[in-house]
Amino acid sequence: MTYRRRLSQDTVRRRPAEVDLRPYQAAKSLLTGEDRRERLRFAQEHLNWNNADLGKVMFSVESRFCLYSDDRRRRVYRRSGERYRQACIV
């Protein structure tokens, strides 16, 4: 059965909220075993660095700035407490 009824954008935006769905930024995948081993290896290799070694490293603070309304982050509709549910992870 096909319905041919026009829906307003407000109706489409309102419907998820009526069933307790909210837009959230999609969670990223958790670290894999390989990722953990690689991070541990890196930490162990640099464990004994002194101030002279660290002085050769450039540290930076990265901030995200959005010049347009679309920040291109993936969003998912989910209920509170479902952040790490497989369907909500990218």
PDB file of N, CA and C in Angstrom:
ATOM      1  N   MET A   1       0.845  -1.170   0.000  1.00  0.00           N
ATOM      2  CA  MET A   1       0.000   0.000   0.000  1.00  0.00           C
ATOM      3  C   MET A   1       0.895   1.239   0.000  1.00  0.00           C
ATOM      4  N   THR A   2       0.646   2.167  -0.874  1.00  0.00           N
ATOM      5  CA  THR A   2       1.430   3.389  -0.996  1.00  0.00           C
ATOM      6  C   THR A   2       0.565   4.587  -0.641  1.00  0.00           C
ATOM      7  N   TYR A   3       1.115   5.436   0.213  1.00  0.00           N
ATOM      8  CA  TYR A   3       0.425   6.671   0.571  1.00  0.00           C
ATOM      9  C   TYR A   3       1.078   7.814  -0.176  1.00  0.00           C
ATOM     10  N   ARG A   4       0.298   8.682  -0.726  1.00  0.00           N
ATOM     11  CA  ARG A   4       0.827   9.845  -1.439  1.00  0.00           C
ATOM     12  C   ARG A   4       0.389  11.098  -0.698  1.00  0.00           C
ATOM     13  N   ARG A   5       1.044  11.326   0.412  1.00  0.00           N
ATOM     14  CA  ARG A   5       0.713  12.479   1.237  1.00  0.00           C
ATOM     15  C   ARG A   5       1.985  13.270   1.487  1.00  0.00           C
ATOM     16  N   ARG A   6       1.909  14.559   1.335  1.00  0.00           N
ATOM     17  CA  ARG A   6       3.077  15.409   1.567  1.00  0.00           C
ATOM     18  C   ARG A   6       3.247  15.632   3.069  1.00  0.00           C
ATOM     19  N   LEU A   7       4.488  15.538   3.519  1.00  0.00           N
ATOM     20  CA  LEU A   7       4.802  15.778   4.923  1.00  0.00           C
ATOM     21  C   LEU A   7       5.664  17.023   5.033  1.00  0.00           C
ATOM     22  N   SER A   8       5.398  17.807   6.048  1.00  0.00           N
ATOM     23  CA  SER A   8       6.227  18.992   6.252  1.00  0.00           C
ATOM     24  C   SER A   8       7.539  18.578   6.919  1.00  0.00           C
ATOM     25  N   GLN A   9       8.560  19.411   6.773  1.00  0.00           N
ATOM     26  CA  GLN A   9       9.842  19.134   7.422  1.00  0.00           C
ATOM     27  C   GLN A   9       9.688  19.120   8.935  1.00  0.00           C
ATOM     28  N   ASP A  10       8.826  19.957   9.458  1.00  0.00           N
ATOM     29  CA  ASP A  10       8.601  19.984  10.908  1.00  0.00           C
ATOM     30  C   ASP A  10       8.056  18.647  11.398  1.00  0.00           C
ATOM     31  N   THR A  11       7.146  18.051  10.643  1.00  0.00           N
ATOM     32  CA  THR A  11       6.591  16.753  11.030  1.00  0.00           C
ATOM     33  C   THR A  11       7.677  15.689  11.030  1.00  0.00           C
ATOM     34  N   VAL A  12       8.502  15.691  10.003  1.00  0.00           N
ATOM     35  CA  VAL A  12       9.579  14.700   9.905  1.00  0.00           C
ATOM     36  C   VAL A  12      10.567  14.876  11.053  1.00  0.00           C
ATOM     37  N   ARG A  13      10.869  16.085  11.437  1.00  0.00           N
ATOM     38  CA  ARG A  13      11.799  16.332  12.548  1.00  0.00           C
ATOM     39  C   ARG A  13      11.178  15.972  13.897  1.00  0.00           C
ATOM     40  N   ARG A  14       9.888  16.158  14.027  1.00  0.00           N
ATOM     41  CA  ARG A  14       9.206  15.949  15.300  1.00  0.00           C
ATOM     42  C   ARG A  14       8.979  14.469  15.606  1.00  0.00           C
ATOM     43  N   ARG A  15       8.754  13.642  14.596  1.00  0.00           N
ATOM     44  CA  ARG A  15       8.386  12.239  14.818  1.00  0.00           C
ATOM     45  C   ARG A  15       9.403  11.444  15.636  1.00  0.00           C
ATOM     46  N   PRO A  16      10.715  11.524  15.364  1.00  0.00           N
ATOM     47  CA  PRO A  16      11.651  10.753  16.197  1.00  0.00           C
ATOM     48  C   PRO A  16      11.561  11.126  17.677  1.00  0.00           C
ATOM     49  N   ALA A  17      11.371  12.396  17.978  1.00  0.00           N
ATOM     50  CA  ALA A  17      11.281  12.828  19.378  1.00  0.00           C
ATOM     51  C   ALA A  17      10.064  12.225  20.067  1.00  0.00           C
ATOM     52  N   GLU A  18       9.010  11.980  19.305  1.00  0.00           N
ATOM     53  CA  GLU A  18       7.800  11.398  19.895  1.00  0.00           C
ATOM     54  C   GLU A  18       8.027   9.971  20.376  1.00  0.00           C
ATOM     55  N   VAL A  19       9.021   9.278  19.820  1.00  0.00           N
ATOM     56  CA  VAL A  19       9.341   7.917  20.271  1.00  0.00           C
ATOM     57  C   VAL A  19      10.685   7.896  21.004  1.00  0.00           C
ATOM     58  N   ASP A  20      11.061   9.046  21.567  1.00  0.00           N
ATOM     59  CA  ASP A  20      12.247   9.197  22.413  1.00  0.00           C
ATOM     60  C   ASP A  20      13.564   8.959  21.676  1.00  0.00           C
ATOM     61  N   LEU A  21      13.630   9.304  20.393  1.00  0.00           N
ATOM     62  CA  LEU A  21      14.885   9.239  19.640  1.00  0.00           C
ATOM     63  C   LEU A  21      15.437  10.649  19.496  1.00  0.00           C
ATOM     64  N   ARG A  22      16.731  10.801  19.738  1.00  0.00           N
ATOM     65  CA  ARG A  22      17.383  12.099  19.648  1.00  0.00           C
ATOM     66  C   ARG A  22      18.596  11.986  18.725  1.00  0.00           C
ATOM     67  N   PRO A  23      18.953  13.077  18.027  1.00  0.00           N
ATOM     68  CA  PRO A  23      20.153  13.017  17.181  1.00  0.00           C
ATOM     69  C   PRO A  23      21.416  13.174  18.028  1.00  0.00           C
ATOM     70  N   TYR A  24      22.369  12.287  17.825  1.00  0.00           N
ATOM     71  CA  TYR A  24      23.653  12.336  18.509  1.00  0.00           C
ATOM     72  C   TYR A  24      24.753  12.149  17.481  1.00  0.00           C
ATOM     73  N   GLN A  25      25.928  12.629  17.811  1.00  0.00           N
ATOM     74  CA  GLN A  25      27.078  12.337  16.968  1.00  0.00           C
ATOM     75  C   GLN A  25      27.374  10.850  17.121  1.00  0.00           C
ATOM     76  N   ALA A  26      27.605  10.173  16.018  1.00  0.00           N
ATOM     77  CA  ALA A  26      27.853   8.733  16.053  1.00  0.00           C
ATOM     78  C   ALA A  26      29.137   8.441  16.821  1.00  0.00           C
ATOM     79  N   ALA A  27      29.119   7.401  17.644  1.00  0.00           N
ATOM     80  CA  ALA A  27      30.304   6.995  18.387  1.00  0.00           C
ATOM     81  C   ALA A  27      31.289   6.332  17.432  1.00  0.00           C
ATOM     82  N   LYS A  28      32.560   6.483  17.715  1.00  0.00           N
ATOM     83  CA  LYS A  28      33.585   5.829  16.912  1.00  0.00           C
ATOM     84  C   LYS A  28      33.816   4.430  17.464  1.00  0.00           C
ATOM     85  N   SER A  29      34.334   3.573  16.624  1.00  0.00           N
ATOM     86  CA  SER A  29      34.629   2.209  17.045  1.00  0.00           C
ATOM     87  C   SER A  29      35.626   2.219  18.196  1.00  0.00           C
ATOM     88  N   LEU A  30      35.475   1.271  19.096  1.00  0.00           N
ATOM     89  CA  LEU A  30      36.415   1.142  20.199  1.00  0.00           C
ATOM     90  C   LEU A  30      37.730   0.576  19.680  1.00  0.00           C
ATOM     91  N   LEU A  31      38.785   0.702  20.459  1.00  0.00           N
ATOM     92  CA  LEU A  31      40.093   0.210  20.039  1.00  0.00           C
ATOM     93  C   LEU A  31      40.082  -1.303  19.881  1.00  0.00           C
ATOM     94  N   THR A  32      40.728  -1.769  18.832  1.00  0.00           N
ATOM     95  CA  THR A  32      40.872  -3.209  18.632  1.00  0.00           C
ATOM     96  C   THR A  32      42.076  -3.694  19.429  1.00  0.00           C
ATOM     97  N   GLY A  33      42.240  -4.985  19.517  1.00  0.00           N
ATOM     98  CA  GLY A  33      43.402  -5.549  20.203  1.00  0.00           C
ATOM     99  C   GLY A  33      44.699  -5.095  19.565  1.00  0.00           C
ATOM    100  N   GLU A  34      44.717  -5.008  18.232  1.00  0.00           N
ATOM    101  CA  GLU A  34      45.912  -4.551  17.514  1.00  0.00           C
ATOM    102  C   GLU A  34      46.224  -3.098  17.854  1.00  0.00           C
ATOM    103  N   ASP A  35      45.193  -2.248  17.933  1.00  0.00           N
ATOM    104  CA  ASP A  35      45.392  -0.839  18.301  1.00  0.00           C
ATOM    105  C   ASP A  35      46.016  -0.732  19.689  1.00  0.00           C
ATOM    106  N   ARG A  36      45.522  -1.521  20.620  1.00  0.00           N
ATOM    107  CA  ARG A  36      46.046  -1.487  21.994  1.00  0.00           C
ATOM    108  C   ARG A  36      47.499  -1.933  22.042  1.00  0.00           C
ATOM    109  N   ARG A  37      47.824  -2.997  21.311  1.00  0.00           N
ATOM    110  CA  ARG A  37      49.212  -3.477  21.289  1.00  0.00           C
ATOM    111  C   ARG A  37      50.142  -2.425  20.700  1.00  0.00           C
ATOM    112  N   GLU A  38      49.687  -1.756  19.630  1.00  0.00           N
ATOM    113  CA  GLU A  38      50.502  -0.724  18.985  1.00  0.00           C
ATOM    114  C   GLU A  38      50.726   0.466  19.924  1.00  0.00           C
ATOM    115  N   ARG A  39      49.708   0.875  20.640  1.00  0.00           N
ATOM    116  CA  ARG A  39      49.858   1.986  21.596  1.00  0.00           C
ATOM    117  C   ARG A  39      50.783   1.608  22.743  1.00  0.00           C
ATOM    118  N   LEU A  40      50.668   0.376  23.227  1.00  0.00           N
ATOM    119  CA  LEU A  40      51.539  -0.085  24.300  1.00  0.00           C
ATOM    120  C   LEU A  40      52.991  -0.128  23.823  1.00  0.00           C
ATOM    121  N   ARG A  41      53.215  -0.627  22.604  1.00  0.00           N
ATOM    122  CA  ARG A  41      54.565  -0.675  22.045  1.00  0.00           C
ATOM    123  C   ARG A  41      55.159   0.732  21.951  1.00  0.00           C
ATOM    124  N   PHE A  42      54.380   1.693  21.458  1.00  0.00           N
ATOM    125  CA  PHE A  42      54.845   3.076  21.345  1.00  0.00           C
ATOM    126  C   PHE A  42      55.202   3.636  22.727  1.00  0.00           C
ATOM    127  N   ALA A  43      54.339   3.407  23.709  1.00  0.00           N
ATOM    128  CA  ALA A  43      54.588   3.920  25.064  1.00  0.00           C
ATOM    129  C   ALA A  43      55.850   3.311  25.657  1.00  0.00           C
ATOM    130  N   GLN A  44      56.052   2.012  25.450  1.00  0.00           N
ATOM    131  CA  GLN A  44      57.244   1.359  25.992  1.00  0.00           C
ATOM    132  C   GLN A  44      58.516   1.862  25.317  1.00  0.00           C
ATOM    133  N   GLU A  45      58.456   2.140  24.009  1.00  0.00           N
ATOM    134  CA  GLU A  45      59.626   2.652  23.293  1.00  0.00           C
ATOM    135  C   GLU A  45      60.018   4.049  23.775  1.00  0.00           C
ATOM    136  N   HIS A  46      59.067   4.827  24.241  1.00  0.00           N
ATOM    137  CA  HIS A  46      59.332   6.209  24.632  1.00  0.00           C
ATOM    138  C   HIS A  46      59.296   6.413  26.148  1.00  0.00           C
ATOM    139  N   LEU A  47      59.274   5.336  26.888  1.00  0.00           N
ATOM    140  CA  LEU A  47      59.164   5.402  28.342  1.00  0.00           C
ATOM    141  C   LEU A  47      60.338   6.136  28.988  1.00  0.00           C
ATOM    142  N   ASN A  48      61.529   5.963  28.470  1.00  0.00           N
ATOM    143  CA  ASN A  48      62.728   6.524  29.099  1.00  0.00           C
ATOM    144  C   ASN A  48      63.193   7.829  28.467  1.00  0.00           C
ATOM    145  N   TRP A  49      62.334   8.491  27.745  1.00  0.00           N
ATOM    146  CA  TRP A  49      62.717   9.774  27.160  1.00  0.00           C
ATOM    147  C   TRP A  49      62.945  10.791  28.271  1.00  0.00           C
ATOM    148  N   ASN A  50      63.951  11.642  28.071  1.00  0.00           N
ATOM    149  CA  ASN A  50      64.227  12.697  29.046  1.00  0.00           C
ATOM    150  C   ASN A  50      63.741  14.036  28.487  1.00  0.00           C
ATOM    151  N   ASN A  51      64.002  15.114  29.220  1.00  0.00           N
ATOM    152  CA  ASN A  51      63.527  16.439  28.799  1.00  0.00           C
ATOM    153  C   ASN A  51      64.135  16.873  27.469  1.00  0.00           C
ATOM    154  N   ALA A  52      65.389  16.488  27.212  1.00  0.00           N
ATOM    155  CA  ALA A  52      66.027  16.854  25.940  1.00  0.00           C
ATOM    156  C   ALA A  52      65.300  16.177  24.772  1.00  0.00           C
ATOM    157  N   ASP A  53      64.939  14.900  24.951  1.00  0.00           N
ATOM    158  CA  ASP A  53      64.199  14.192  23.897  1.00  0.00           C
ATOM    159  C   ASP A  53      62.825  14.822  23.683  1.00  0.00           C
ATOM    160  N   LEU A  54      62.135  15.102  24.783  1.00  0.00           N
ATOM    161  CA  LEU A  54      60.798  15.694  24.679  1.00  0.00           C
ATOM    162  C   LEU A  54      60.846  17.099  24.102  1.00  0.00           C
ATOM    163  N   GLY A  55      61.981  17.798  24.289  1.00  0.00           N
ATOM    164  CA  GLY A  55      62.135  19.149  23.754  1.00  0.00           C
ATOM    165  C   GLY A  55      62.162  19.179  22.234  1.00  0.00           C
ATOM    166  N   LYS A  56      62.393  18.035  21.599  1.00  0.00           N
ATOM    167  CA  LYS A  56      62.432  17.950  20.138  1.00  0.00           C
ATOM    168  C   LYS A  56      61.063  17.631  19.535  1.00  0.00           C
ATOM    169  N   VAL A  57      60.082  17.452  20.394  1.00  0.00           N
ATOM    170  CA  VAL A  57      58.738  17.093  19.932  1.00  0.00           C
ATOM    171  C   VAL A  57      57.861  18.333  19.924  1.00  0.00           C
ATOM    172  N   MET A  58      57.094  18.498  18.864  1.00  0.00           N
ATOM    173  CA  MET A  58      56.169  19.625  18.808  1.00  0.00           C
ATOM    174  C   MET A  58      54.779  19.122  19.204  1.00  0.00           C
ATOM    175  N   PHE A  59      54.214  19.719  20.233  1.00  0.00           N
ATOM    176  CA  PHE A  59      52.871  19.387  20.677  1.00  0.00           C
ATOM    177  C   PHE A  59      51.919  20.455  20.161  1.00  0.00           C
ATOM    178  N   SER A  60      50.727  20.053  19.809  1.00  0.00           N
ATOM    179  CA  SER A  60      49.748  21.034  19.350  1.00  0.00           C
ATOM    180  C   SER A  60      48.389  20.707  19.944  1.00  0.00           C
ATOM    181  N   VAL A  61      47.594  21.732  20.070  1.00  0.00           N
ATOM    182  CA  VAL A  61      46.218  21.571  20.516  1.00  0.00           C
ATOM    183  C   VAL A  61      45.350  21.812  19.293  1.00  0.00           C
ATOM    184  N   GLU A  62      44.584  20.811  18.928  1.00  0.00           N
ATOM    185  CA  GLU A  62      43.736  20.955  17.752  1.00  0.00           C
ATOM    186  C   GLU A  62      42.321  21.291  18.181  1.00  0.00           C
ATOM    187  N   SER A  63      41.778  22.304  17.563  1.00  0.00           N
ATOM    188  CA  SER A  63      40.398  22.689  17.814  1.00  0.00           C
ATOM    189  C   SER A  63      39.634  22.607  16.505  1.00  0.00           C
ATOM    190  N   ARG A  64      38.401  22.256  16.598  1.00  0.00           N
ATOM    191  CA  ARG A  64      37.574  22.145  15.406  1.00  0.00           C
ATOM    192  C   ARG A  64      36.738  23.413  15.280  1.00  0.00           C
ATOM    193  N   PHE A  65      36.806  24.051  14.118  1.00  0.00           N
ATOM    194  CA  PHE A  65      36.019  25.238  13.844  1.00  0.00           C
ATOM    195  C   PHE A  65      35.122  24.944  12.655  1.00  0.00           C
ATOM    196  N   CYS A  66      33.890  25.336  12.749  1.00  0.00           N
ATOM    197  CA  CYS A  66      32.931  25.081  11.682  1.00  0.00           C
ATOM    198  C   CYS A  66      32.517  26.419  11.077  1.00  0.00           C
ATOM    199  N   LEU A  67      32.844  26.621   9.803  1.00  0.00           N
ATOM    200  CA  LEU A  67      32.501  27.869   9.135  1.00  0.00           C
ATOM    201  C   LEU A  67      31.087  27.847   8.562  1.00  0.00           C
ATOM    202  N   TYR A  68      30.536  26.661   8.407  1.00  0.00           N
ATOM    203  CA  TYR A  68      29.205  26.508   7.833  1.00  0.00           C
ATOM    204  C   TYR A  68      28.337  25.735   8.812  1.00  0.00           C
ATOM    205  N   SER A  69      27.044  25.747   8.591  1.00  0.00           N
ATOM    206  CA  SER A  69      26.146  25.062   9.519  1.00  0.00           C
ATOM    207  C   SER A  69      26.301  23.543   9.457  1.00  0.00           C
ATOM    208  N   ASP A  70      26.760  22.996   8.337  1.00  0.00           N
ATOM    209  CA  ASP A  70      26.951  21.554   8.203  1.00  0.00           C
ATOM    210  C   ASP A  70      28.374  21.209   8.622  1.00  0.00           C
ATOM    211  N   ASP A  71      28.544  20.559   9.769  1.00  0.00           N
ATOM    212  CA  ASP A  71      29.890  20.229  10.236  1.00  0.00           C
ATOM    213  C   ASP A  71      30.366  18.871   9.711  1.00  0.00           C
ATOM    214  N   ARG A  72      29.556  18.204   8.890  1.00  0.00           N
ATOM    215  CA  ARG A  72      29.885  16.935   8.232  1.00  0.00           C
ATOM    216  C   ARG A  72      30.162  15.791   9.208  1.00  0.00           C
ATOM    217  N   ARG A  73      29.729  15.923  10.424  1.00  0.00           N
ATOM    218  CA  ARG A  73      29.850  14.814  11.364  1.00  0.00           C
ATOM    219  C   ARG A  73      28.652  13.903  11.175  1.00  0.00           C
ATOM    220  N   ARG A  74      28.892  12.625  11.249  1.00  0.00           N
ATOM    221  CA  ARG A  74      27.799  11.678  11.068  1.00  0.00           C
ATOM    222  C   ARG A  74      26.950  11.643  12.325  1.00  0.00           C
ATOM    223  N   ARG A  75      25.672  11.698  12.138  1.00  0.00           N
ATOM    224  CA  ARG A  75      24.745  11.678  13.263  1.00  0.00           C
ATOM    225  C   ARG A  75      23.854  10.451  13.166  1.00  0.00           C
ATOM    226  N   VAL A  76      23.466   9.960  14.312  1.00  0.00           N
ATOM    227  CA  VAL A  76      22.539   8.837  14.378  1.00  0.00           C
ATOM    228  C   VAL A  76      21.420   9.207  15.337  1.00  0.00           C
ATOM    229  N   TYR A  77      20.256   8.662  15.090  1.00  0.00           N
ATOM    230  CA  TYR A  77      19.145   8.837  16.022  1.00  0.00           C
ATOM    231  C   TYR A  77      19.140   7.628  16.935  1.00  0.00           C
ATOM    232  N   ARG A  78      19.204   7.877  18.233  1.00  0.00           N
ATOM    233  CA  ARG A  78      19.219   6.787  19.204  1.00  0.00           C
ATOM    234  C   ARG A  78      18.603   7.260  20.502  1.00  0.00           C
ATOM    235  N   ARG A  79      18.322   6.310  21.350  1.00  0.00           N
ATOM    236  CA  ARG A  79      17.802   6.632  22.677  1.00  0.00           C
ATOM    237  C   ARG A  79      18.972   6.809  23.641  1.00  0.00           C
ATOM    238  N   SER A  80      18.730   7.482  24.732  1.00  0.00           N
ATOM    239  CA  SER A  80      19.746   7.655  25.757  1.00  0.00           C
ATOM    240  C   SER A  80      20.209   6.284  26.238  1.00  0.00           C
ATOM    241  N   GLY A  81      21.512   6.108  26.393  1.00  0.00           N
ATOM    242  CA  GLY A  81      22.059   4.838  26.870  1.00  0.00           C
ATOM    243  C   GLY A  81      22.402   3.853  25.767  1.00  0.00           C
ATOM    244  N   GLU A  82      22.185   4.206  24.503  1.00  0.00           N
ATOM    245  CA  GLU A  82      22.466   3.295  23.397  1.00  0.00           C
ATOM    246  C   GLU A  82      23.724   3.682  22.622  1.00  0.00           C
ATOM    247  N   ARG A  83      24.596   4.472  23.223  1.00  0.00           N
ATOM    248  CA  ARG A  83      25.752   5.010  22.507  1.00  0.00           C
ATOM    249  C   ARG A  83      26.603   3.931  21.848  1.00  0.00           C
ATOM    250  N   TYR A  84      26.886   2.848  22.556  1.00  0.00           N
ATOM    251  CA  TYR A  84      27.772   1.818  22.016  1.00  0.00           C
ATOM    252  C   TYR A  84      27.022   0.624  21.443  1.00  0.00           C
ATOM    253  N   ARG A  85      25.760   0.790  21.179  1.00  0.00           N
ATOM    254  CA  ARG A  85      25.008  -0.245  20.481  1.00  0.00           C
ATOM    255  C   ARG A  85      25.564  -0.334  19.061  1.00  0.00           C
ATOM    256  N   GLN A  86      25.754  -1.536  18.541  1.00  0.00           N
ATOM    257  CA  GLN A  86      26.445  -1.729  17.266  1.00  0.00           C
ATOM    258  C   GLN A  86      25.845  -0.887  16.140  1.00  0.00           C
ATOM    259  N   ALA A  87      24.546  -0.732  16.105  1.00  0.00           N
ATOM    260  CA  ALA A  87      23.899   0.031  15.034  1.00  0.00           C
ATOM    261  C   ALA A  87      24.202   1.527  15.115  1.00  0.00           C
ATOM    262  N   CYS A  88      24.725   2.004  16.242  1.00  0.00           N
ATOM    263  CA  CYS A  88      24.980   3.435  16.437  1.00  0.00           C
ATOM    264  C   CYS A  88      26.459   3.793  16.325  1.00  0.00           C
ATOM    265  N   ILE A  89      27.295   2.841  15.927  1.00  0.00           N
ATOM    266  CA  ILE A  89      28.741   3.063  15.847  1.00  0.00           C
ATOM    267  C   ILE A  89      29.163   3.133  14.390  1.00  0.00           C
ATOM    268  N   VAL A  90      30.052   4.070  14.080  1.00  0.00           N
ATOM    269  CA  VAL A  90      30.594   4.168  12.713  1.00  0.00           C
ATOM    270  C   VAL A  90      32.019   3.680  12.703  1.00  0.00           C
TER     271      VAL A  90
END
